[in-house]
Amino acid sequence: RGYLAAYERLAAALARGGVQAAAP
């Protein structure tokens, strides 16, 4: 259940985008 909560938070953060791409 803790995994589910943590994954929900991370998914929300990743869904917002904003990736600072690494070197090609």
PDBML (XML) file of the C-alpha atoms, coordinates in Angstrom:
<?xml version="1.0" encoding="UTF-8" ?>
<PDBx:datablock datablockName="MODEL"
   xmlns:PDBx="http://pdbml.pdb.org/schema/pdbx-v50.xsd"
   xmlns:xsi="http://www.w3.org/2001/XMLSchema-instance"
   xsi:schemaLocation="http://pdbml.pdb.org/schema/pdbx-v50.xsd pdbx-v50.xsd">
   <PDBx:atom_siteCategory>
      <PDBx:atom_site id="1">
         <PDBx:B_iso_or_equiv>0.00</PDBx:B_iso_or_equiv>
         <PDBx:Cartn_x>0.000</PDBx:Cartn_x>
         <PDBx:Cartn_y>0.000</PDBx:Cartn_y>
         <PDBx:Cartn_z>0.000</PDBx:Cartn_z>
         <PDBx:auth_asym_id>A</PDBx:auth_asym_id>
         <PDBx:auth_atom_id>CA</PDBx:auth_atom_id>
         <PDBx:auth_comp_id>ARG</PDBx:auth_comp_id>
         <PDBx:auth_seq_id>1</PDBx:auth_seq_id>
         <PDBx:group_PDB>ATOM</PDBx:group_PDB>
         <PDBx:label_alt_id xsi:nil="true" />
         <PDBx:label_asym_id>A</PDBx:label_asym_id>
         <PDBx:label_atom_id>CA</PDBx:label_atom_id>
         <PDBx:label_comp_id>ARG</PDBx:label_comp_id>
         <PDBx:label_entity_id>1</PDBx:label_entity_id>
         <PDBx:label_seq_id>1</PDBx:label_seq_id>
         <PDBx:occupancy>1.00</PDBx:occupancy>
         <PDBx:pdbx_PDB_model_num>1</PDBx:pdbx_PDB_model_num>
         <PDBx:type_symbol>C</PDBx:type_symbol>
      </PDBx:atom_site>
      <PDBx:atom_site id="2">
         <PDBx:B_iso_or_equiv>0.00</PDBx:B_iso_or_equiv>
         <PDBx:Cartn_x>2.965</PDBx:Cartn_x>
         <PDBx:Cartn_y>2.266</PDBx:Cartn_y>
         <PDBx:Cartn_z>0.653</PDBx:Cartn_z>
         <PDBx:auth_asym_id>A</PDBx:auth_asym_id>
         <PDBx:auth_atom_id>CA</PDBx:auth_atom_id>
         <PDBx:auth_comp_id>GLY</PDBx:auth_comp_id>
         <PDBx:auth_seq_id>2</PDBx:auth_seq_id>
         <PDBx:group_PDB>ATOM</PDBx:group_PDB>
         <PDBx:label_alt_id xsi:nil="true" />
         <PDBx:label_asym_id>A</PDBx:label_asym_id>
         <PDBx:label_atom_id>CA</PDBx:label_atom_id>
         <PDBx:label_comp_id>GLY</PDBx:label_comp_id>
         <PDBx:label_entity_id>1</PDBx:label_entity_id>
         <PDBx:label_seq_id>2</PDBx:label_seq_id>
         <PDBx:occupancy>1.00</PDBx:occupancy>
         <PDBx:pdbx_PDB_model_num>1</PDBx:pdbx_PDB_model_num>
         <PDBx:type_symbol>C</PDBx:type_symbol>
      </PDBx:atom_site>
      <PDBx:atom_site id="3">
         <PDBx:B_iso_or_equiv>0.00</PDBx:B_iso_or_equiv>
         <PDBx:Cartn_x>4.291</PDBx:Cartn_x>
         <PDBx:Cartn_y>1.385</PDBx:Cartn_y>
         <PDBx:Cartn_z>-2.797</PDBx:Cartn_z>
         <PDBx:auth_asym_id>A</PDBx:auth_asym_id>
         <PDBx:auth_atom_id>CA</PDBx:auth_atom_id>
         <PDBx:auth_comp_id>TYR</PDBx:auth_comp_id>
         <PDBx:auth_seq_id>3</PDBx:auth_seq_id>
         <PDBx:group_PDB>ATOM</PDBx:group_PDB>
         <PDBx:label_alt_id xsi:nil="true" />
         <PDBx:label_asym_id>A</PDBx:label_asym_id>
         <PDBx:label_atom_id>CA</PDBx:label_atom_id>
         <PDBx:label_comp_id>TYR</PDBx:label_comp_id>
         <PDBx:label_entity_id>1</PDBx:label_entity_id>
         <PDBx:label_seq_id>3</PDBx:label_seq_id>
         <PDBx:occupancy>1.00</PDBx:occupancy>
         <PDBx:pdbx_PDB_model_num>1</PDBx:pdbx_PDB_model_num>
         <PDBx:type_symbol>C</PDBx:type_symbol>
      </PDBx:atom_site>
      <PDBx:atom_site id="4">
         <PDBx:B_iso_or_equiv>0.00</PDBx:B_iso_or_equiv>
         <PDBx:Cartn_x>0.962</PDBx:Cartn_x>
         <PDBx:Cartn_y>2.394</PDBx:Cartn_y>
         <PDBx:Cartn_z>-4.352</PDBx:Cartn_z>
         <PDBx:auth_asym_id>A</PDBx:auth_asym_id>
         <PDBx:auth_atom_id>CA</PDBx:auth_atom_id>
         <PDBx:auth_comp_id>LEU</PDBx:auth_comp_id>
         <PDBx:auth_seq_id>4</PDBx:auth_seq_id>
         <PDBx:group_PDB>ATOM</PDBx:group_PDB>
         <PDBx:label_alt_id xsi:nil="true" />
         <PDBx:label_asym_id>A</PDBx:label_asym_id>
         <PDBx:label_atom_id>CA</PDBx:label_atom_id>
         <PDBx:label_comp_id>LEU</PDBx:label_comp_id>
         <PDBx:label_entity_id>1</PDBx:label_entity_id>
         <PDBx:label_seq_id>4</PDBx:label_seq_id>
         <PDBx:occupancy>1.00</PDBx:occupancy>
         <PDBx:pdbx_PDB_model_num>1</PDBx:pdbx_PDB_model_num>
         <PDBx:type_symbol>C</PDBx:type_symbol>
      </PDBx:atom_site>
      <PDBx:atom_site id="5">
         <PDBx:B_iso_or_equiv>0.00</PDBx:B_iso_or_equiv>
         <PDBx:Cartn_x>0.993</PDBx:Cartn_x>
         <PDBx:Cartn_y>5.755</PDBx:Cartn_y>
         <PDBx:Cartn_z>-2.591</PDBx:Cartn_z>
         <PDBx:auth_asym_id>A</PDBx:auth_asym_id>
         <PDBx:auth_atom_id>CA</PDBx:auth_atom_id>
         <PDBx:auth_comp_id>ALA</PDBx:auth_comp_id>
         <PDBx:auth_seq_id>5</PDBx:auth_seq_id>
         <PDBx:group_PDB>ATOM</PDBx:group_PDB>
         <PDBx:label_alt_id xsi:nil="true" />
         <PDBx:label_asym_id>A</PDBx:label_asym_id>
         <PDBx:label_atom_id>CA</PDBx:label_atom_id>
         <PDBx:label_comp_id>ALA</PDBx:label_comp_id>
         <PDBx:label_entity_id>1</PDBx:label_entity_id>
         <PDBx:label_seq_id>5</PDBx:label_seq_id>
         <PDBx:occupancy>1.00</PDBx:occupancy>
         <PDBx:pdbx_PDB_model_num>1</PDBx:pdbx_PDB_model_num>
         <PDBx:type_symbol>C</PDBx:type_symbol>
      </PDBx:atom_site>
      <PDBx:atom_site id="6">
         <PDBx:B_iso_or_equiv>0.00</PDBx:B_iso_or_equiv>
         <PDBx:Cartn_x>4.617</PDBx:Cartn_x>
         <PDBx:Cartn_y>6.401</PDBx:Cartn_y>
         <PDBx:Cartn_z>-3.551</PDBx:Cartn_z>
         <PDBx:auth_asym_id>A</PDBx:auth_asym_id>
         <PDBx:auth_atom_id>CA</PDBx:auth_atom_id>
         <PDBx:auth_comp_id>ALA</PDBx:auth_comp_id>
         <PDBx:auth_seq_id>6</PDBx:auth_seq_id>
         <PDBx:group_PDB>ATOM</PDBx:group_PDB>
         <PDBx:label_alt_id xsi:nil="true" />
         <PDBx:label_asym_id>A</PDBx:label_asym_id>
         <PDBx:label_atom_id>CA</PDBx:label_atom_id>
         <PDBx:label_comp_id>ALA</PDBx:label_comp_id>
         <PDBx:label_entity_id>1</PDBx:label_entity_id>
         <PDBx:label_seq_id>6</PDBx:label_seq_id>
         <PDBx:occupancy>1.00</PDBx:occupancy>
         <PDBx:pdbx_PDB_model_num>1</PDBx:pdbx_PDB_model_num>
         <PDBx:type_symbol>C</PDBx:type_symbol>
      </PDBx:atom_site>
      <PDBx:atom_site id="7">
         <PDBx:B_iso_or_equiv>0.00</PDBx:B_iso_or_equiv>
         <PDBx:Cartn_x>3.964</PDBx:Cartn_x>
         <PDBx:Cartn_y>5.447</PDBx:Cartn_y>
         <PDBx:Cartn_z>-7.178</PDBx:Cartn_z>
         <PDBx:auth_asym_id>A</PDBx:auth_asym_id>
         <PDBx:auth_atom_id>CA</PDBx:auth_atom_id>
         <PDBx:auth_comp_id>TYR</PDBx:auth_comp_id>
         <PDBx:auth_seq_id>7</PDBx:auth_seq_id>
         <PDBx:group_PDB>ATOM</PDBx:group_PDB>
         <PDBx:label_alt_id xsi:nil="true" />
         <PDBx:label_asym_id>A</PDBx:label_asym_id>
         <PDBx:label_atom_id>CA</PDBx:label_atom_id>
         <PDBx:label_comp_id>TYR</PDBx:label_comp_id>
         <PDBx:label_entity_id>1</PDBx:label_entity_id>
         <PDBx:label_seq_id>7</PDBx:label_seq_id>
         <PDBx:occupancy>1.00</PDBx:occupancy>
         <PDBx:pdbx_PDB_model_num>1</PDBx:pdbx_PDB_model_num>
         <PDBx:type_symbol>C</PDBx:type_symbol>
      </PDBx:atom_site>
      <PDBx:atom_site id="8">
         <PDBx:B_iso_or_equiv>0.00</PDBx:B_iso_or_equiv>
         <PDBx:Cartn_x>0.922</PDBx:Cartn_x>
         <PDBx:Cartn_y>7.700</PDBx:Cartn_y>
         <PDBx:Cartn_z>-7.339</PDBx:Cartn_z>
         <PDBx:auth_asym_id>A</PDBx:auth_asym_id>
         <PDBx:auth_atom_id>CA</PDBx:auth_atom_id>
         <PDBx:auth_comp_id>GLU</PDBx:auth_comp_id>
         <PDBx:auth_seq_id>8</PDBx:auth_seq_id>
         <PDBx:group_PDB>ATOM</PDBx:group_PDB>
         <PDBx:label_alt_id xsi:nil="true" />
         <PDBx:label_asym_id>A</PDBx:label_asym_id>
         <PDBx:label_atom_id>CA</PDBx:label_atom_id>
         <PDBx:label_comp_id>GLU</PDBx:label_comp_id>
         <PDBx:label_entity_id>1</PDBx:label_entity_id>
         <PDBx:label_seq_id>8</PDBx:label_seq_id>
         <PDBx:occupancy>1.00</PDBx:occupancy>
         <PDBx:pdbx_PDB_model_num>1</PDBx:pdbx_PDB_model_num>
         <PDBx:type_symbol>C</PDBx:type_symbol>
      </PDBx:atom_site>
      <PDBx:atom_site id="9">
         <PDBx:B_iso_or_equiv>0.00</PDBx:B_iso_or_equiv>
         <PDBx:Cartn_x>3.024</PDBx:Cartn_x>
         <PDBx:Cartn_y>10.649</PDBx:Cartn_y>
         <PDBx:Cartn_z>-6.167</PDBx:Cartn_z>
         <PDBx:auth_asym_id>A</PDBx:auth_asym_id>
         <PDBx:auth_atom_id>CA</PDBx:auth_atom_id>
         <PDBx:auth_comp_id>ARG</PDBx:auth_comp_id>
         <PDBx:auth_seq_id>9</PDBx:auth_seq_id>
         <PDBx:group_PDB>ATOM</PDBx:group_PDB>
         <PDBx:label_alt_id xsi:nil="true" />
         <PDBx:label_asym_id>A</PDBx:label_asym_id>
         <PDBx:label_atom_id>CA</PDBx:label_atom_id>
         <PDBx:label_comp_id>ARG</PDBx:label_comp_id>
         <PDBx:label_entity_id>1</PDBx:label_entity_id>
         <PDBx:label_seq_id>9</PDBx:label_seq_id>
         <PDBx:occupancy>1.00</PDBx:occupancy>
         <PDBx:pdbx_PDB_model_num>1</PDBx:pdbx_PDB_model_num>
         <PDBx:type_symbol>C</PDBx:type_symbol>
      </PDBx:atom_site>
      <PDBx:atom_site id="10">
         <PDBx:B_iso_or_equiv>0.00</PDBx:B_iso_or_equiv>
         <PDBx:Cartn_x>5.842</PDBx:Cartn_x>
         <PDBx:Cartn_y>9.888</PDBx:Cartn_y>
         <PDBx:Cartn_z>-8.587</PDBx:Cartn_z>
         <PDBx:auth_asym_id>A</PDBx:auth_asym_id>
         <PDBx:auth_atom_id>CA</PDBx:auth_atom_id>
         <PDBx:auth_comp_id>LEU</PDBx:auth_comp_id>
         <PDBx:auth_seq_id>10</PDBx:auth_seq_id>
         <PDBx:group_PDB>ATOM</PDBx:group_PDB>
         <PDBx:label_alt_id xsi:nil="true" />
         <PDBx:label_asym_id>A</PDBx:label_asym_id>
         <PDBx:label_atom_id>CA</PDBx:label_atom_id>
         <PDBx:label_comp_id>LEU</PDBx:label_comp_id>
         <PDBx:label_entity_id>1</PDBx:label_entity_id>
         <PDBx:label_seq_id>10</PDBx:label_seq_id>
         <PDBx:occupancy>1.00</PDBx:occupancy>
         <PDBx:pdbx_PDB_model_num>1</PDBx:pdbx_PDB_model_num>
         <PDBx:type_symbol>C</PDBx:type_symbol>
      </PDBx:atom_site>
      <PDBx:atom_site id="11">
         <PDBx:B_iso_or_equiv>0.00</PDBx:B_iso_or_equiv>
         <PDBx:Cartn_x>3.443</PDBx:Cartn_x>
         <PDBx:Cartn_y>9.370</PDBx:Cartn_y>
         <PDBx:Cartn_z>-11.502</PDBx:Cartn_z>
         <PDBx:auth_asym_id>A</PDBx:auth_asym_id>
         <PDBx:auth_atom_id>CA</PDBx:auth_atom_id>
         <PDBx:auth_comp_id>ALA</PDBx:auth_comp_id>
         <PDBx:auth_seq_id>11</PDBx:auth_seq_id>
         <PDBx:group_PDB>ATOM</PDBx:group_PDB>
         <PDBx:label_alt_id xsi:nil="true" />
         <PDBx:label_asym_id>A</PDBx:label_asym_id>
         <PDBx:label_atom_id>CA</PDBx:label_atom_id>
         <PDBx:label_comp_id>ALA</PDBx:label_comp_id>
         <PDBx:label_entity_id>1</PDBx:label_entity_id>
         <PDBx:label_seq_id>11</PDBx:label_seq_id>
         <PDBx:occupancy>1.00</PDBx:occupancy>
         <PDBx:pdbx_PDB_model_num>1</PDBx:pdbx_PDB_model_num>
         <PDBx:type_symbol>C</PDBx:type_symbol>
      </PDBx:atom_site>
      <PDBx:atom_site id="12">
         <PDBx:B_iso_or_equiv>0.00</PDBx:B_iso_or_equiv>
         <PDBx:Cartn_x>1.841</PDBx:Cartn_x>
         <PDBx:Cartn_y>12.736</PDBx:Cartn_y>
         <PDBx:Cartn_z>-10.806</PDBx:Cartn_z>
         <PDBx:auth_asym_id>A</PDBx:auth_asym_id>
         <PDBx:auth_atom_id>CA</PDBx:auth_atom_id>
         <PDBx:auth_comp_id>ALA</PDBx:auth_comp_id>
         <PDBx:auth_seq_id>12</PDBx:auth_seq_id>
         <PDBx:group_PDB>ATOM</PDBx:group_PDB>
         <PDBx:label_alt_id xsi:nil="true" />
         <PDBx:label_asym_id>A</PDBx:label_asym_id>
         <PDBx:label_atom_id>CA</PDBx:label_atom_id>
         <PDBx:label_comp_id>ALA</PDBx:label_comp_id>
         <PDBx:label_entity_id>1</PDBx:label_entity_id>
         <PDBx:label_seq_id>12</PDBx:label_seq_id>
         <PDBx:occupancy>1.00</PDBx:occupancy>
         <PDBx:pdbx_PDB_model_num>1</PDBx:pdbx_PDB_model_num>
         <PDBx:type_symbol>C</PDBx:type_symbol>
      </PDBx:atom_site>
      <PDBx:atom_site id="13">
         <PDBx:B_iso_or_equiv>0.00</PDBx:B_iso_or_equiv>
         <PDBx:Cartn_x>5.258</PDBx:Cartn_x>
         <PDBx:Cartn_y>14.400</PDBx:Cartn_y>
         <PDBx:Cartn_z>-10.781</PDBx:Cartn_z>
         <PDBx:auth_asym_id>A</PDBx:auth_asym_id>
         <PDBx:auth_atom_id>CA</PDBx:auth_atom_id>
         <PDBx:auth_comp_id>ALA</PDBx:auth_comp_id>
         <PDBx:auth_seq_id>13</PDBx:auth_seq_id>
         <PDBx:group_PDB>ATOM</PDBx:group_PDB>
         <PDBx:label_alt_id xsi:nil="true" />
         <PDBx:label_asym_id>A</PDBx:label_asym_id>
         <PDBx:label_atom_id>CA</PDBx:label_atom_id>
         <PDBx:label_comp_id>ALA</PDBx:label_comp_id>
         <PDBx:label_entity_id>1</PDBx:label_entity_id>
         <PDBx:label_seq_id>13</PDBx:label_seq_id>
         <PDBx:occupancy>1.00</PDBx:occupancy>
         <PDBx:pdbx_PDB_model_num>1</PDBx:pdbx_PDB_model_num>
         <PDBx:type_symbol>C</PDBx:type_symbol>
      </PDBx:atom_site>
      <PDBx:atom_site id="14">
         <PDBx:B_iso_or_equiv>0.00</PDBx:B_iso_or_equiv>
         <PDBx:Cartn_x>6.387</PDBx:Cartn_x>
         <PDBx:Cartn_y>12.684</PDBx:Cartn_y>
         <PDBx:Cartn_z>-13.982</PDBx:Cartn_z>
         <PDBx:auth_asym_id>A</PDBx:auth_asym_id>
         <PDBx:auth_atom_id>CA</PDBx:auth_atom_id>
         <PDBx:auth_comp_id>LEU</PDBx:auth_comp_id>
         <PDBx:auth_seq_id>14</PDBx:auth_seq_id>
         <PDBx:group_PDB>ATOM</PDBx:group_PDB>
         <PDBx:label_alt_id xsi:nil="true" />
         <PDBx:label_asym_id>A</PDBx:label_asym_id>
         <PDBx:label_atom_id>CA</PDBx:label_atom_id>
         <PDBx:label_comp_id>LEU</PDBx:label_comp_id>
         <PDBx:label_entity_id>1</PDBx:label_entity_id>
         <PDBx:label_seq_id>14</PDBx:label_seq_id>
         <PDBx:occupancy>1.00</PDBx:occupancy>
         <PDBx:pdbx_PDB_model_num>1</PDBx:pdbx_PDB_model_num>
         <PDBx:type_symbol>C</PDBx:type_symbol>
      </PDBx:atom_site>
      <PDBx:atom_site id="15">
         <PDBx:B_iso_or_equiv>0.00</PDBx:B_iso_or_equiv>
         <PDBx:Cartn_x>3.101</PDBx:Cartn_x>
         <PDBx:Cartn_y>13.438</PDBx:Cartn_y>
         <PDBx:Cartn_z>-15.748</PDBx:Cartn_z>
         <PDBx:auth_asym_id>A</PDBx:auth_asym_id>
         <PDBx:auth_atom_id>CA</PDBx:auth_atom_id>
         <PDBx:auth_comp_id>ALA</PDBx:auth_comp_id>
         <PDBx:auth_seq_id>15</PDBx:auth_seq_id>
         <PDBx:group_PDB>ATOM</PDBx:group_PDB>
         <PDBx:label_alt_id xsi:nil="true" />
         <PDBx:label_asym_id>A</PDBx:label_asym_id>
         <PDBx:label_atom_id>CA</PDBx:label_atom_id>
         <PDBx:label_comp_id>ALA</PDBx:label_comp_id>
         <PDBx:label_entity_id>1</PDBx:label_entity_id>
         <PDBx:label_seq_id>15</PDBx:label_seq_id>
         <PDBx:occupancy>1.00</PDBx:occupancy>
         <PDBx:pdbx_PDB_model_num>1</PDBx:pdbx_PDB_model_num>
         <PDBx:type_symbol>C</PDBx:type_symbol>
      </PDBx:atom_site>
      <PDBx:atom_site id="16">
         <PDBx:B_iso_or_equiv>0.00</PDBx:B_iso_or_equiv>
         <PDBx:Cartn_x>3.851</PDBx:Cartn_x>
         <PDBx:Cartn_y>17.135</PDBx:Cartn_y>
         <PDBx:Cartn_z>-15.357</PDBx:Cartn_z>
         <PDBx:auth_asym_id>A</PDBx:auth_asym_id>
         <PDBx:auth_atom_id>CA</PDBx:auth_atom_id>
         <PDBx:auth_comp_id>ARG</PDBx:auth_comp_id>
         <PDBx:auth_seq_id>16</PDBx:auth_seq_id>
         <PDBx:group_PDB>ATOM</PDBx:group_PDB>
         <PDBx:label_alt_id xsi:nil="true" />
         <PDBx:label_asym_id>A</PDBx:label_asym_id>
         <PDBx:label_atom_id>CA</PDBx:label_atom_id>
         <PDBx:label_comp_id>ARG</PDBx:label_comp_id>
         <PDBx:label_entity_id>1</PDBx:label_entity_id>
         <PDBx:label_seq_id>16</PDBx:label_seq_id>
         <PDBx:occupancy>1.00</PDBx:occupancy>
         <PDBx:pdbx_PDB_model_num>1</PDBx:pdbx_PDB_model_num>
         <PDBx:type_symbol>C</PDBx:type_symbol>
      </PDBx:atom_site>
      <PDBx:atom_site id="17">
         <PDBx:B_iso_or_equiv>0.00</PDBx:B_iso_or_equiv>
         <PDBx:Cartn_x>6.904</PDBx:Cartn_x>
         <PDBx:Cartn_y>16.648</PDBx:Cartn_y>
         <PDBx:Cartn_z>-17.585</PDBx:Cartn_z>
         <PDBx:auth_asym_id>A</PDBx:auth_asym_id>
         <PDBx:auth_atom_id>CA</PDBx:auth_atom_id>
         <PDBx:auth_comp_id>GLY</PDBx:auth_comp_id>
         <PDBx:auth_seq_id>17</PDBx:auth_seq_id>
         <PDBx:group_PDB>ATOM</PDBx:group_PDB>
         <PDBx:label_alt_id xsi:nil="true" />
         <PDBx:label_asym_id>A</PDBx:label_asym_id>
         <PDBx:label_atom_id>CA</PDBx:label_atom_id>
         <PDBx:label_comp_id>GLY</PDBx:label_comp_id>
         <PDBx:label_entity_id>1</PDBx:label_entity_id>
         <PDBx:label_seq_id>17</PDBx:label_seq_id>
         <PDBx:occupancy>1.00</PDBx:occupancy>
         <PDBx:pdbx_PDB_model_num>1</PDBx:pdbx_PDB_model_num>
         <PDBx:type_symbol>C</PDBx:type_symbol>
      </PDBx:atom_site>
      <PDBx:atom_site id="18">
         <PDBx:B_iso_or_equiv>0.00</PDBx:B_iso_or_equiv>
         <PDBx:Cartn_x>9.738</PDBx:Cartn_x>
         <PDBx:Cartn_y>19.092</PDBx:Cartn_y>
         <PDBx:Cartn_z>-17.257</PDBx:Cartn_z>
         <PDBx:auth_asym_id>A</PDBx:auth_asym_id>
         <PDBx:auth_atom_id>CA</PDBx:auth_atom_id>
         <PDBx:auth_comp_id>GLY</PDBx:auth_comp_id>
         <PDBx:auth_seq_id>18</PDBx:auth_seq_id>
         <PDBx:group_PDB>ATOM</PDBx:group_PDB>
         <PDBx:label_alt_id xsi:nil="true" />
         <PDBx:label_asym_id>A</PDBx:label_asym_id>
         <PDBx:label_atom_id>CA</PDBx:label_atom_id>
         <PDBx:label_comp_id>GLY</PDBx:label_comp_id>
         <PDBx:label_entity_id>1</PDBx:label_entity_id>
         <PDBx:label_seq_id>18</PDBx:label_seq_id>
         <PDBx:occupancy>1.00</PDBx:occupancy>
         <PDBx:pdbx_PDB_model_num>1</PDBx:pdbx_PDB_model_num>
         <PDBx:type_symbol>C</PDBx:type_symbol>
      </PDBx:atom_site>
      <PDBx:atom_site id="19">
         <PDBx:B_iso_or_equiv>0.00</PDBx:B_iso_or_equiv>
         <PDBx:Cartn_x>12.492</PDBx:Cartn_x>
         <PDBx:Cartn_y>16.560</PDBx:Cartn_y>
         <PDBx:Cartn_z>-17.895</PDBx:Cartn_z>
         <PDBx:auth_asym_id>A</PDBx:auth_asym_id>
         <PDBx:auth_atom_id>CA</PDBx:auth_atom_id>
         <PDBx:auth_comp_id>VAL</PDBx:auth_comp_id>
         <PDBx:auth_seq_id>19</PDBx:auth_seq_id>
         <PDBx:group_PDB>ATOM</PDBx:group_PDB>
         <PDBx:label_alt_id xsi:nil="true" />
         <PDBx:label_asym_id>A</PDBx:label_asym_id>
         <PDBx:label_atom_id>CA</PDBx:label_atom_id>
         <PDBx:label_comp_id>VAL</PDBx:label_comp_id>
         <PDBx:label_entity_id>1</PDBx:label_entity_id>
         <PDBx:label_seq_id>19</PDBx:label_seq_id>
         <PDBx:occupancy>1.00</PDBx:occupancy>
         <PDBx:pdbx_PDB_model_num>1</PDBx:pdbx_PDB_model_num>
         <PDBx:type_symbol>C</PDBx:type_symbol>
      </PDBx:atom_site>
      <PDBx:atom_site id="20">
         <PDBx:B_iso_or_equiv>0.00</PDBx:B_iso_or_equiv>
         <PDBx:Cartn_x>15.948</PDBx:Cartn_x>
         <PDBx:Cartn_y>18.101</PDBx:Cartn_y>
         <PDBx:Cartn_z>-17.833</PDBx:Cartn_z>
         <PDBx:auth_asym_id>A</PDBx:auth_asym_id>
         <PDBx:auth_atom_id>CA</PDBx:auth_atom_id>
         <PDBx:auth_comp_id>GLN</PDBx:auth_comp_id>
         <PDBx:auth_seq_id>20</PDBx:auth_seq_id>
         <PDBx:group_PDB>ATOM</PDBx:group_PDB>
         <PDBx:label_alt_id xsi:nil="true" />
         <PDBx:label_asym_id>A</PDBx:label_asym_id>
         <PDBx:label_atom_id>CA</PDBx:label_atom_id>
         <PDBx:label_comp_id>GLN</PDBx:label_comp_id>
         <PDBx:label_entity_id>1</PDBx:label_entity_id>
         <PDBx:label_seq_id>20</PDBx:label_seq_id>
         <PDBx:occupancy>1.00</PDBx:occupancy>
         <PDBx:pdbx_PDB_model_num>1</PDBx:pdbx_PDB_model_num>
         <PDBx:type_symbol>C</PDBx:type_symbol>
      </PDBx:atom_site>
      <PDBx:atom_site id="21">
         <PDBx:B_iso_or_equiv>0.00</PDBx:B_iso_or_equiv>
         <PDBx:Cartn_x>17.368</PDBx:Cartn_x>
         <PDBx:Cartn_y>15.839</PDBx:Cartn_y>
         <PDBx:Cartn_z>-20.490</PDBx:Cartn_z>
         <PDBx:auth_asym_id>A</PDBx:auth_asym_id>
         <PDBx:auth_atom_id>CA</PDBx:auth_atom_id>
         <PDBx:auth_comp_id>ALA</PDBx:auth_comp_id>
         <PDBx:auth_seq_id>21</PDBx:auth_seq_id>
         <PDBx:group_PDB>ATOM</PDBx:group_PDB>
         <PDBx:label_alt_id xsi:nil="true" />
         <PDBx:label_asym_id>A</PDBx:label_asym_id>
         <PDBx:label_atom_id>CA</PDBx:label_atom_id>
         <PDBx:label_comp_id>ALA</PDBx:label_comp_id>
         <PDBx:label_entity_id>1</PDBx:label_entity_id>
         <PDBx:label_seq_id>21</PDBx:label_seq_id>
         <PDBx:occupancy>1.00</PDBx:occupancy>
         <PDBx:pdbx_PDB_model_num>1</PDBx:pdbx_PDB_model_num>
         <PDBx:type_symbol>C</PDBx:type_symbol>
      </PDBx:atom_site>
      <PDBx:atom_site id="22">
         <PDBx:B_iso_or_equiv>0.00</PDBx:B_iso_or_equiv>
         <PDBx:Cartn_x>20.833</PDBx:Cartn_x>
         <PDBx:Cartn_y>14.414</PDBx:Cartn_y>
         <PDBx:Cartn_z>-20.034</PDBx:Cartn_z>
         <PDBx:auth_asym_id>A</PDBx:auth_asym_id>
         <PDBx:auth_atom_id>CA</PDBx:auth_atom_id>
         <PDBx:auth_comp_id>ALA</PDBx:auth_comp_id>
         <PDBx:auth_seq_id>22</PDBx:auth_seq_id>
         <PDBx:group_PDB>ATOM</PDBx:group_PDB>
         <PDBx:label_alt_id xsi:nil="true" />
         <PDBx:label_asym_id>A</PDBx:label_asym_id>
         <PDBx:label_atom_id>CA</PDBx:label_atom_id>
         <PDBx:label_comp_id>ALA</PDBx:label_comp_id>
         <PDBx:label_entity_id>1</PDBx:label_entity_id>
         <PDBx:label_seq_id>22</PDBx:label_seq_id>
         <PDBx:occupancy>1.00</PDBx:occupancy>
         <PDBx:pdbx_PDB_model_num>1</PDBx:pdbx_PDB_model_num>
         <PDBx:type_symbol>C</PDBx:type_symbol>
      </PDBx:atom_site>
      <PDBx:atom_site id="23">
         <PDBx:B_iso_or_equiv>0.00</PDBx:B_iso_or_equiv>
         <PDBx:Cartn_x>23.568</PDBx:Cartn_x>
         <PDBx:Cartn_y>14.745</PDBx:Cartn_y>
         <PDBx:Cartn_z>-22.634</PDBx:Cartn_z>
         <PDBx:auth_asym_id>A</PDBx:auth_asym_id>
         <PDBx:auth_atom_id>CA</PDBx:auth_atom_id>
         <PDBx:auth_comp_id>ALA</PDBx:auth_comp_id>
         <PDBx:auth_seq_id>23</PDBx:auth_seq_id>
         <PDBx:group_PDB>ATOM</PDBx:group_PDB>
         <PDBx:label_alt_id xsi:nil="true" />
         <PDBx:label_asym_id>A</PDBx:label_asym_id>
         <PDBx:label_atom_id>CA</PDBx:label_atom_id>
         <PDBx:label_comp_id>ALA</PDBx:label_comp_id>
         <PDBx:label_entity_id>1</PDBx:label_entity_id>
         <PDBx:label_seq_id>23</PDBx:label_seq_id>
         <PDBx:occupancy>1.00</PDBx:occupancy>
         <PDBx:pdbx_PDB_model_num>1</PDBx:pdbx_PDB_model_num>
         <PDBx:type_symbol>C</PDBx:type_symbol>
      </PDBx:atom_site>
      <PDBx:atom_site id="24">
         <PDBx:B_iso_or_equiv>0.00</PDBx:B_iso_or_equiv>
         <PDBx:Cartn_x>22.509</PDBx:Cartn_x>
         <PDBx:Cartn_y>13.027</PDBx:Cartn_y>
         <PDBx:Cartn_z>-25.880</PDBx:Cartn_z>
         <PDBx:auth_asym_id>A</PDBx:auth_asym_id>
         <PDBx:auth_atom_id>CA</PDBx:auth_atom_id>
         <PDBx:auth_comp_id>PRO</PDBx:auth_comp_id>
         <PDBx:auth_seq_id>24</PDBx:auth_seq_id>
         <PDBx:group_PDB>ATOM</PDBx:group_PDB>
         <PDBx:label_alt_id xsi:nil="true" />
         <PDBx:label_asym_id>A</PDBx:label_asym_id>
         <PDBx:label_atom_id>CA</PDBx:label_atom_id>
         <PDBx:label_comp_id>PRO</PDBx:label_comp_id>
         <PDBx:label_entity_id>1</PDBx:label_entity_id>
         <PDBx:label_seq_id>24</PDBx:label_seq_id>
         <PDBx:occupancy>1.00</PDBx:occupancy>
         <PDBx:pdbx_PDB_model_num>1</PDBx:pdbx_PDB_model_num>
         <PDBx:type_symbol>C</PDBx:type_symbol>
      </PDBx:atom_site>
   </PDBx:atom_siteCategory>
</PDBx:datablock>
